[in-house]
Structure formats: C-alpha cells, structure tokens
Amino acid sequence: MLNIHSTHSRRIDRQMPPRSEKHANFRRLAVGRTDQVLEALRKLSNLSSANYEFEDSEVEKIFDAIEAGVEEARGRFRRGLTKRGRFTL
C-alpha cells in the first residue's frame, strides 16, 4: 500500500546545463534583461510616494501599457511576432 503524505509538495529546481551556445547566450541575456525590467518597475513604483502627484487614470494607463507589453513579449515567444509600439501618457 502506498502512503502519500498530504503535506507540502516540494519542487526541486536543478540548474540544467545549456543545450547549445545559443541557449547559453539566451540564458545569460535573459537574466540581465529580466533584472533590468524588475529594476525599472521598482523605480516606477517610487513614483507612488508623496513626492509626486498623479491621477488614477494615469496610473491605469501606465499599467495597461506594461501589461500589454508583457503580453506582446509573451506572444513573441509563442508566435515569433515582431510588432512594436511606443508608450505615451
């Protein structure tokens, strides 16, 4: 009889070696570029301090543009699309 514990299942992440030089380049660049995006989001969130004034509609426009950009980037990984747009307030 199999005894299964219903405690937390733990995922074991292992660092897999790159499959090719192109894959190694992707991984190296992806880490740096992801860090840049996260740093930019952190800086953007600094605008929420009392040192600045903003309207809710402006904040919604910013995050709508960010979410659209994330979906576009995700789609390019899925479909290889090359469409690009600029953000303005």
PDB file of N, CA and C in Angstrom:
ATOM      1  N   MET A   1       0.830  -1.167   0.000  1.00  0.00           N
ATOM      2  CA  MET A   1       0.000   0.000   0.000  1.00  0.00           C
ATOM      3  C   MET A   1       0.882   1.240   0.000  1.00  0.00           C
ATOM      4  N   LEU A   2       0.554   2.215  -0.826  1.00  0.00           N
ATOM      5  CA  LEU A   2       1.327   3.436  -0.977  1.00  0.00           C
ATOM      6  C   LEU A   2       0.867   4.460   0.049  1.00  0.00           C
ATOM      7  N   ASN A   3       1.796   5.001   0.796  1.00  0.00           N
ATOM      8  CA  ASN A   3       1.493   6.001   1.806  1.00  0.00           C
ATOM      9  C   ASN A   3       1.858   7.382   1.254  1.00  0.00           C
ATOM     10  N   ILE A   4       0.859   8.217   1.023  1.00  0.00           N
ATOM     11  CA  ILE A   4       1.087   9.550   0.479  1.00  0.00           C
ATOM     12  C   ILE A   4       0.772  10.564   1.563  1.00  0.00           C
ATOM     13  N   HIS A   5       1.734  11.414   1.845  1.00  0.00           N
ATOM     14  CA  HIS A   5       1.536  12.462   2.842  1.00  0.00           C
ATOM     15  C   HIS A   5       0.975  13.684   2.142  1.00  0.00           C
ATOM     16  N   SER A   6      -0.018  14.321   2.735  1.00  0.00           N
ATOM     17  CA  SER A   6      -0.651  15.479   2.116  1.00  0.00           C
ATOM     18  C   SER A   6      -0.022  16.798   2.566  1.00  0.00           C
ATOM     19  N   THR A   7       1.232  16.719   3.026  1.00  0.00           N
ATOM     20  CA  THR A   7       1.919  17.966   3.379  1.00  0.00           C
ATOM     21  C   THR A   7       2.337  18.658   2.096  1.00  0.00           C
ATOM     22  N   HIS A   8       3.138  19.660   2.224  1.00  0.00           N
ATOM     23  CA  HIS A   8       3.545  20.448   1.067  1.00  0.00           C
ATOM     24  C   HIS A   8       4.385  19.620   0.100  1.00  0.00           C
ATOM     25  N   SER A   9       4.020  19.697  -1.172  1.00  0.00           N
ATOM     26  CA  SER A   9       4.864  19.065  -2.168  1.00  0.00           C
ATOM     27  C   SER A   9       5.974  20.044  -2.502  1.00  0.00           C
ATOM     28  N   ARG A  10       7.149  19.564  -2.631  1.00  0.00           N
ATOM     29  CA  ARG A  10       8.308  20.413  -2.837  1.00  0.00           C
ATOM     30  C   ARG A  10       8.864  20.185  -4.227  1.00  0.00           C
ATOM     31  N   ARG A  11       9.033  21.291  -4.960  1.00  0.00           N
ATOM     32  CA  ARG A  11       9.600  21.223  -6.294  1.00  0.00           C
ATOM     33  C   ARG A  11      11.111  21.373  -6.178  1.00  0.00           C
ATOM     34  N   ILE A  12      11.817  20.494  -6.805  1.00  0.00           N
ATOM     35  CA  ILE A  12      13.275  20.558  -6.780  1.00  0.00           C
ATOM     36  C   ILE A  12      13.736  21.174  -8.089  1.00  0.00           C
ATOM     37  N   ASP A  13      14.339  22.367  -7.994  1.00  0.00           N
ATOM     38  CA  ASP A  13      14.864  23.033  -9.176  1.00  0.00           C
ATOM     39  C   ASP A  13      16.329  22.676  -9.333  1.00  0.00           C
ATOM     40  N   ARG A  14      16.642  22.200 -10.491  1.00  0.00           N
ATOM     41  CA  ARG A  14      18.027  21.888 -10.786  1.00  0.00           C
ATOM     42  C   ARG A  14      18.515  22.785 -11.898  1.00  0.00           C
ATOM     43  N   GLN A  15      19.717  23.234 -11.799  1.00  0.00           N
ATOM     44  CA  GLN A  15      20.317  24.053 -12.832  1.00  0.00           C
ATOM     45  C   GLN A  15      20.756  23.138 -13.962  1.00  0.00           C
ATOM     46  N   MET A  16      20.070  23.237 -15.086  1.00  0.00           N
ATOM     47  CA  MET A  16      20.383  22.399 -16.235  1.00  0.00           C
ATOM     48  C   MET A  16      21.435  23.106 -17.086  1.00  0.00           C
ATOM     49  N   PRO A  17      22.397  22.359 -17.595  1.00  0.00           N
ATOM     50  CA  PRO A  17      23.403  22.993 -18.455  1.00  0.00           C
ATOM     51  C   PRO A  17      22.760  23.419 -19.772  1.00  0.00           C
ATOM     52  N   PRO A  18      23.273  24.495 -20.388  1.00  0.00           N
ATOM     53  CA  PRO A  18      22.728  24.928 -21.674  1.00  0.00           C
ATOM     54  C   PRO A  18      22.898  23.834 -22.721  1.00  0.00           C
ATOM     55  N   ARG A  19      21.938  23.780 -23.646  1.00  0.00           N
ATOM     56  CA  ARG A  19      21.976  22.757 -24.687  1.00  0.00           C
ATOM     57  C   ARG A  19      22.869  23.157 -25.854  1.00  0.00           C
ATOM     58  N   SER A  20      23.149  24.451 -25.995  1.00  0.00           N
ATOM     59  CA  SER A  20      23.955  24.930 -27.098  1.00  0.00           C
ATOM     60  C   SER A  20      24.503  26.302 -26.739  1.00  0.00           C
ATOM     61  N   GLU A  21      25.360  26.823 -27.585  1.00  0.00           N
ATOM     62  CA  GLU A  21      25.879  28.163 -27.367  1.00  0.00           C
ATOM     63  C   GLU A  21      24.748  29.190 -27.457  1.00  0.00           C
ATOM     64  N   LYS A  22      23.803  28.986 -28.377  1.00  0.00           N
ATOM     65  CA  LYS A  22      22.655  29.897 -28.494  1.00  0.00           C
ATOM     66  C   LYS A  22      21.823  29.873 -27.218  1.00  0.00           C
ATOM     67  N   HIS A  23      21.651  28.704 -26.640  1.00  0.00           N
ATOM     68  CA  HIS A  23      20.887  28.600 -25.400  1.00  0.00           C
ATOM     69  C   HIS A  23      21.633  29.266 -24.252  1.00  0.00           C
ATOM     70  N   ALA A  24      22.944  29.095 -24.202  1.00  0.00           N
ATOM     71  CA  ALA A  24      23.750  29.747 -23.167  1.00  0.00           C
ATOM     72  C   ALA A  24      23.640  31.260 -23.296  1.00  0.00           C
ATOM     73  N   ASN A  25      23.681  31.781 -24.529  1.00  0.00           N
ATOM     74  CA  ASN A  25      23.539  33.220 -24.754  1.00  0.00           C
ATOM     75  C   ASN A  25      22.162  33.704 -24.317  1.00  0.00           C
ATOM     76  N   PHE A  26      21.122  32.941 -24.657  1.00  0.00           N
ATOM     77  CA  PHE A  26      19.767  33.298 -24.244  1.00  0.00           C
ATOM     78  C   PHE A  26      19.692  33.414 -22.725  1.00  0.00           C
ATOM     79  N   ARG A  27      20.189  32.418 -22.037  1.00  0.00           N
ATOM     80  CA  ARG A  27      20.113  32.410 -20.572  1.00  0.00           C
ATOM     81  C   ARG A  27      20.864  33.581 -19.975  1.00  0.00           C
ATOM     82  N   ARG A  28      22.053  33.864 -20.482  1.00  0.00           N
ATOM     83  CA  ARG A  28      22.867  34.965 -19.969  1.00  0.00           C
ATOM     84  C   ARG A  28      22.146  36.288 -20.185  1.00  0.00           C
ATOM     85  N   LEU A  29      21.654  36.519 -21.388  1.00  0.00           N
ATOM     86  CA  LEU A  29      20.964  37.771 -21.698  1.00  0.00           C
ATOM     87  C   LEU A  29      19.621  37.880 -20.981  1.00  0.00           C
ATOM     88  N   ALA A  30      18.900  36.776 -20.866  1.00  0.00           N
ATOM     89  CA  ALA A  30      17.580  36.790 -20.222  1.00  0.00           C
ATOM     90  C   ALA A  30      17.691  37.197 -18.755  1.00  0.00           C
ATOM     91  N   VAL A  31      18.704  36.720 -18.072  1.00  0.00           N
ATOM     92  CA  VAL A  31      18.876  37.076 -16.658  1.00  0.00           C
ATOM     93  C   VAL A  31      19.122  38.573 -16.522  1.00  0.00           C
ATOM     94  N   GLY A  32      20.046  39.099 -17.300  1.00  0.00           N
ATOM     95  CA  GLY A  32      20.350  40.531 -17.218  1.00  0.00           C
ATOM     96  C   GLY A  32      19.173  41.402 -17.602  1.00  0.00           C
ATOM     97  N   ARG A  33      18.491  41.041 -18.677  1.00  0.00           N
ATOM     98  CA  ARG A  33      17.369  41.855 -19.142  1.00  0.00           C
ATOM     99  C   ARG A  33      16.185  41.774 -18.192  1.00  0.00           C
ATOM    100  N   THR A  34      15.962  40.612 -17.599  1.00  0.00           N
ATOM    101  CA  THR A  34      14.890  40.479 -16.613  1.00  0.00           C
ATOM    102  C   THR A  34      15.197  41.333 -15.390  1.00  0.00           C
ATOM    103  N   ASP A  35      16.448  41.319 -14.959  1.00  0.00           N
ATOM    104  CA  ASP A  35      16.845  42.173 -13.837  1.00  0.00           C
ATOM    105  C   ASP A  35      16.606  43.646 -14.160  1.00  0.00           C
ATOM    106  N   GLN A  36      16.884  44.063 -15.400  1.00  0.00           N
ATOM    107  CA  GLN A  36      16.655  45.456 -15.802  1.00  0.00           C
ATOM    108  C   GLN A  36      15.170  45.811 -15.748  1.00  0.00           C
ATOM    109  N   VAL A  37      14.321  44.906 -16.212  1.00  0.00           N
ATOM    110  CA  VAL A  37      12.872  45.152 -16.180  1.00  0.00           C
ATOM    111  C   VAL A  37      12.395  45.279 -14.742  1.00  0.00           C
ATOM    112  N   LEU A  38      12.835  44.381 -13.882  1.00  0.00           N
ATOM    113  CA  LEU A  38      12.417  44.423 -12.480  1.00  0.00           C
ATOM    114  C   LEU A  38      12.916  45.686 -11.785  1.00  0.00           C
ATOM    115  N   GLU A  39      14.128  46.123 -12.115  1.00  0.00           N
ATOM    116  CA  GLU A  39      14.667  47.358 -11.552  1.00  0.00           C
ATOM    117  C   GLU A  39      13.858  48.565 -12.044  1.00  0.00           C
ATOM    118  N   ALA A  40      13.485  48.563 -13.324  1.00  0.00           N
ATOM    119  CA  ALA A  40      12.670  49.651 -13.866  1.00  0.00           C
ATOM    120  C   ALA A  40      11.308  49.699 -13.176  1.00  0.00           C
ATOM    121  N   LEU A  41      10.715  48.548 -12.898  1.00  0.00           N
ATOM    122  CA  LEU A  41       9.437  48.511 -12.178  1.00  0.00           C
ATOM    123  C   LEU A  41       9.587  49.045 -10.755  1.00  0.00           C
ATOM    124  N   ARG A  42      10.703  48.717 -10.117  1.00  0.00           N
ATOM    125  CA  ARG A  42      10.960  49.234  -8.774  1.00  0.00           C
ATOM    126  C   ARG A  42      11.062  50.755  -8.811  1.00  0.00           C
ATOM    127  N   LYS A  43      11.776  51.279  -9.808  1.00  0.00           N
ATOM    128  CA  LYS A  43      11.905  52.729  -9.942  1.00  0.00           C
ATOM    129  C   LYS A  43      10.553  53.372 -10.244  1.00  0.00           C
ATOM    130  N   LEU A  44       9.771  52.731 -11.085  1.00  0.00           N
ATOM    131  CA  LEU A  44       8.438  53.238 -11.395  1.00  0.00           C
ATOM    132  C   LEU A  44       7.593  53.312 -10.125  1.00  0.00           C
ATOM    133  N   SER A  45       7.681  52.302  -9.296  1.00  0.00           N
ATOM    134  CA  SER A  45       6.873  52.282  -8.071  1.00  0.00           C
ATOM    135  C   SER A  45       7.283  53.391  -7.113  1.00  0.00           C
ATOM    136  N   ASN A  46       8.513  53.895  -7.238  1.00  0.00           N
ATOM    137  CA  ASN A  46       8.931  55.026  -6.401  1.00  0.00           C
ATOM    138  C   ASN A  46       8.081  56.270  -6.667  1.00  0.00           C
ATOM    139  N   LEU A  47       7.461  56.348  -7.842  1.00  0.00           N
ATOM    140  CA  LEU A  47       6.607  57.491  -8.170  1.00  0.00           C
ATOM    141  C   LEU A  47       5.321  57.507  -7.349  1.00  0.00           C
ATOM    142  N   SER A  48       5.066  56.449  -6.607  1.00  0.00           N
ATOM    143  CA  SER A  48       3.862  56.396  -5.779  1.00  0.00           C
ATOM    144  C   SER A  48       4.038  57.143  -4.460  1.00  0.00           C
ATOM    145  N   SER A  49       5.231  57.670  -4.212  1.00  0.00           N
ATOM    146  CA  SER A  49       5.472  58.361  -2.940  1.00  0.00           C
ATOM    147  C   SER A  49       4.769  59.720  -2.909  1.00  0.00           C
ATOM    148  N   ALA A  50       4.742  60.297  -1.733  1.00  0.00           N
ATOM    149  CA  ALA A  50       4.087  61.598  -1.539  1.00  0.00           C
ATOM    150  C   ALA A  50       4.831  62.735  -2.242  1.00  0.00           C
ATOM    151  N   ASN A  51       6.005  62.469  -2.787  1.00  0.00           N
ATOM    152  CA  ASN A  51       6.761  63.491  -3.509  1.00  0.00           C
ATOM    153  C   ASN A  51       6.156  63.810  -4.869  1.00  0.00           C
ATOM    154  N   TYR A  52       5.205  63.006  -5.303  1.00  0.00           N
ATOM    155  CA  TYR A  52       4.609  63.152  -6.633  1.00  0.00           C
ATOM    156  C   TYR A  52       3.093  63.183  -6.521  1.00  0.00           C
ATOM    157  N   GLU A  53       2.469  63.816  -7.511  1.00  0.00           N
ATOM    158  CA  GLU A  53       1.020  63.788  -7.627  1.00  0.00           C
ATOM    159  C   GLU A  53       0.680  63.086  -8.929  1.00  0.00           C
ATOM    160  N   PHE A  54      -0.392  62.307  -8.896  1.00  0.00           N
ATOM    161  CA  PHE A  54      -0.813  61.583 -10.095  1.00  0.00           C
ATOM    162  C   PHE A  54      -2.303  61.335 -10.024  1.00  0.00           C
ATOM    163  N   GLU A  55      -2.868  61.093 -11.176  1.00  0.00           N
ATOM    164  CA  GLU A  55      -4.283  60.746 -11.251  1.00  0.00           C
ATOM    165  C   GLU A  55      -4.405  59.245 -11.442  1.00  0.00           C
ATOM    166  N   ASP A  56      -5.481  58.683 -10.904  1.00  0.00           N
ATOM    167  CA  ASP A  56      -5.715  57.245 -11.047  1.00  0.00           C
ATOM    168  C   ASP A  56      -5.725  56.826 -12.516  1.00  0.00           C
ATOM    169  N   SER A  57      -6.281  57.672 -13.370  1.00  0.00           N
ATOM    170  CA  SER A  57      -6.349  57.330 -14.796  1.00  0.00           C
ATOM    171  C   SER A  57      -4.951  57.222 -15.410  1.00  0.00           C
ATOM    172  N   GLU A  58      -4.013  58.041 -14.921  1.00  0.00           N
ATOM    173  CA  GLU A  58      -2.634  57.972 -15.417  1.00  0.00           C
ATOM    174  C   GLU A  58      -1.974  56.668 -14.990  1.00  0.00           C
ATOM    175  N   VAL A  59      -2.204  56.284 -13.735  1.00  0.00           N
ATOM    176  CA  VAL A  59      -1.644  55.031 -13.221  1.00  0.00           C
ATOM    177  C   VAL A  59      -2.219  53.847 -14.001  1.00  0.00           C
ATOM    178  N   GLU A  60      -3.517  53.874 -14.251  1.00  0.00           N
ATOM    179  CA  GLU A  60      -4.141  52.788 -15.021  1.00  0.00           C
ATOM    180  C   GLU A  60      -3.555  52.711 -16.420  1.00  0.00           C
ATOM    181  N   LYS A  61      -3.310  53.859 -17.041  1.00  0.00           N
ATOM    182  CA  LYS A  61      -2.744  53.881 -18.388  1.00  0.00           C
ATOM    183  C   LYS A  61      -1.336  53.287 -18.392  1.00  0.00           C
ATOM    184  N   ILE A  62      -0.559  53.621 -17.377  1.00  0.00           N
ATOM    185  CA  ILE A  62       0.801  53.076 -17.256  1.00  0.00           C
ATOM    186  C   ILE A  62       0.749  51.549 -17.162  1.00  0.00           C
ATOM    187  N   PHE A  63      -0.084  51.042 -16.245  1.00  0.00           N
ATOM    188  CA  PHE A  63      -0.099  49.595 -16.033  1.00  0.00           C
ATOM    189  C   PHE A  63      -0.798  48.845 -17.158  1.00  0.00           C
ATOM    190  N   ASP A  64      -1.734  49.479 -17.835  1.00  0.00           N
ATOM    191  CA  ASP A  64      -2.309  48.865 -19.039  1.00  0.00           C
ATOM    192  C   ASP A  64      -1.234  48.696 -20.107  1.00  0.00           C
ATOM    193  N   ALA A  65      -0.372  49.722 -20.262  1.00  0.00           N
ATOM    194  CA  ALA A  65       0.707  49.650 -21.249  1.00  0.00           C
ATOM    195  C   ALA A  65       1.726  48.575 -20.871  1.00  0.00           C
ATOM    196  N   ILE A  66       2.053  48.484 -19.593  1.00  0.00           N
ATOM    197  CA  ILE A  66       3.004  47.463 -19.134  1.00  0.00           C
ATOM    198  C   ILE A  66       2.432  46.067 -19.372  1.00  0.00           C
ATOM    199  N   GLU A  67       1.171  45.869 -18.996  1.00  0.00           N
ATOM    200  CA  GLU A  67       0.540  44.560 -19.197  1.00  0.00           C
ATOM    201  C   GLU A  67       0.460  44.200 -20.676  1.00  0.00           C
ATOM    202  N   ALA A  68       0.167  45.196 -21.528  1.00  0.00           N
ATOM    203  CA  ALA A  68       0.131  44.939 -22.969  1.00  0.00           C
ATOM    204  C   ALA A  68       1.520  44.567 -23.475  1.00  0.00           C
ATOM    205  N   GLY A  69       2.548  45.232 -22.962  1.00  0.00           N
ATOM    206  CA  GLY A  69       3.920  44.908 -23.348  1.00  0.00           C
ATOM    207  C   GLY A  69       4.320  43.509 -22.931  1.00  0.00           C
ATOM    208  N   VAL A  70       3.908  43.103 -21.735  1.00  0.00           N
ATOM    209  CA  VAL A  70       4.200  41.745 -21.260  1.00  0.00           C
ATOM    210  C   VAL A  70       3.503  40.724 -22.154  1.00  0.00           C
ATOM    211  N   GLU A  71       2.243  40.982 -22.479  1.00  0.00           N
ATOM    212  CA  GLU A  71       1.507  40.046 -23.343  1.00  0.00           C
ATOM    213  C   GLU A  71       2.119  39.988 -24.744  1.00  0.00           C
ATOM    214  N   GLU A  72       2.564  41.135 -25.256  1.00  0.00           N
ATOM    215  CA  GLU A  72       3.212  41.153 -26.572  1.00  0.00           C
ATOM    216  C   GLU A  72       4.503  40.327 -26.544  1.00  0.00           C
ATOM    217  N   ALA A  73       5.317  40.531 -25.502  1.00  0.00           N
ATOM    218  CA  ALA A  73       6.571  39.784 -25.389  1.00  0.00           C
ATOM    219  C   ALA A  73       6.299  38.287 -25.256  1.00  0.00           C
ATOM    220  N   ARG A  74       5.315  37.930 -24.428  1.00  0.00           N
ATOM    221  CA  ARG A  74       4.955  36.520 -24.260  1.00  0.00           C
ATOM    222  C   ARG A  74       4.502  35.938 -25.601  1.00  0.00           C
ATOM    223  N   GLY A  75       3.707  36.700 -26.329  1.00  0.00           N
ATOM    224  CA  GLY A  75       3.230  36.251 -27.633  1.00  0.00           C
ATOM    225  C   GLY A  75       4.350  36.044 -28.623  1.00  0.00           C
ATOM    226  N   ARG A  76       5.366  36.893 -28.573  1.00  0.00           N
ATOM    227  CA  ARG A  76       6.506  36.723 -29.489  1.00  0.00           C
ATOM    228  C   ARG A  76       7.231  35.418 -29.202  1.00  0.00           C
ATOM    229  N   PHE A  77       7.295  35.030 -27.959  1.00  0.00           N
ATOM    230  CA  PHE A  77       7.911  33.737 -27.643  1.00  0.00           C
ATOM    231  C   PHE A  77       7.050  32.600 -28.179  1.00  0.00           C
ATOM    232  N   ARG A  78       5.748  32.797 -28.171  1.00  0.00           N
ATOM    233  CA  ARG A  78       4.838  31.750 -28.646  1.00  0.00           C
ATOM    234  C   ARG A  78       4.711  31.741 -30.164  1.00  0.00           C
ATOM    235  N   ARG A  79       4.726  32.931 -30.787  1.00  0.00           N
ATOM    236  CA  ARG A  79       4.432  33.014 -32.219  1.00  0.00           C
ATOM    237  C   ARG A  79       5.506  33.676 -33.051  1.00  0.00           C
ATOM    238  N   GLY A  80       6.517  34.276 -32.436  1.00  0.00           N
ATOM    239  CA  GLY A  80       7.567  34.936 -33.189  1.00  0.00           C
ATOM    240  C   GLY A  80       7.143  36.264 -33.816  1.00  0.00           C
ATOM    241  N   LEU A  81       6.214  36.995 -33.183  1.00  0.00           N
ATOM    242  CA  LEU A  81       5.750  38.269 -33.721  1.00  0.00           C
ATOM    243  C   LEU A  81       6.811  39.352 -33.531  1.00  0.00           C
ATOM    244  N   THR A  82       6.764  40.406 -34.362  1.00  0.00           N
ATOM    245  CA  THR A  82       7.764  41.472 -34.272  1.00  0.00           C
ATOM    246  C   THR A  82       7.156  42.862 -34.120  1.00  0.00           C
ATOM    247  N   LYS A  83       5.876  42.980 -33.788  1.00  0.00           N
ATOM    248  CA  LYS A  83       5.206  44.266 -33.643  1.00  0.00           C
ATOM    249  C   LYS A  83       5.760  45.033 -32.436  1.00  0.00           C
ATOM    250  N   ARG A  84       5.960  46.353 -32.599  1.00  0.00           N
ATOM    251  CA  ARG A  84       6.482  47.171 -31.506  1.00  0.00           C
ATOM    252  C   ARG A  84       5.758  48.511 -31.484  1.00  0.00           C
ATOM    253  N   GLY A  85       5.454  49.004 -30.287  1.00  0.00           N
ATOM    254  CA  GLY A  85       4.795  50.290 -30.132  1.00  0.00           C
ATOM    255  C   GLY A  85       5.494  51.122 -29.071  1.00  0.00           C
ATOM    256  N   ARG A  86       5.191  52.409 -29.013  1.00  0.00           N
ATOM    257  CA  ARG A  86       5.777  53.320 -28.029  1.00  0.00           C
ATOM    258  C   ARG A  86       4.708  53.723 -27.014  1.00  0.00           C
ATOM    259  N   PHE A  87       5.127  53.966 -25.787  1.00  0.00           N
ATOM    260  CA  PHE A  87       4.214  54.385 -24.735  1.00  0.00           C
ATOM    261  C   PHE A  87       4.240  55.904 -24.613  1.00  0.00           C
ATOM    262  N   THR A  88       3.059  56.511 -24.473  1.00  0.00           N
ATOM    263  CA  THR A  88       2.947  57.935 -24.158  1.00  0.00           C
ATOM    264  C   THR A  88       1.811  58.129 -23.171  1.00  0.00           C
ATOM    265  N   LEU A  89       1.914  59.155 -22.383  1.00  0.00           N
ATOM    266  CA  LEU A  89       0.838  59.493 -21.435  1.00  0.00           C
ATOM    267  C   LEU A  89      -0.112  60.454 -22.072  1.00  0.00           C
TER     268      LEU A  89
END
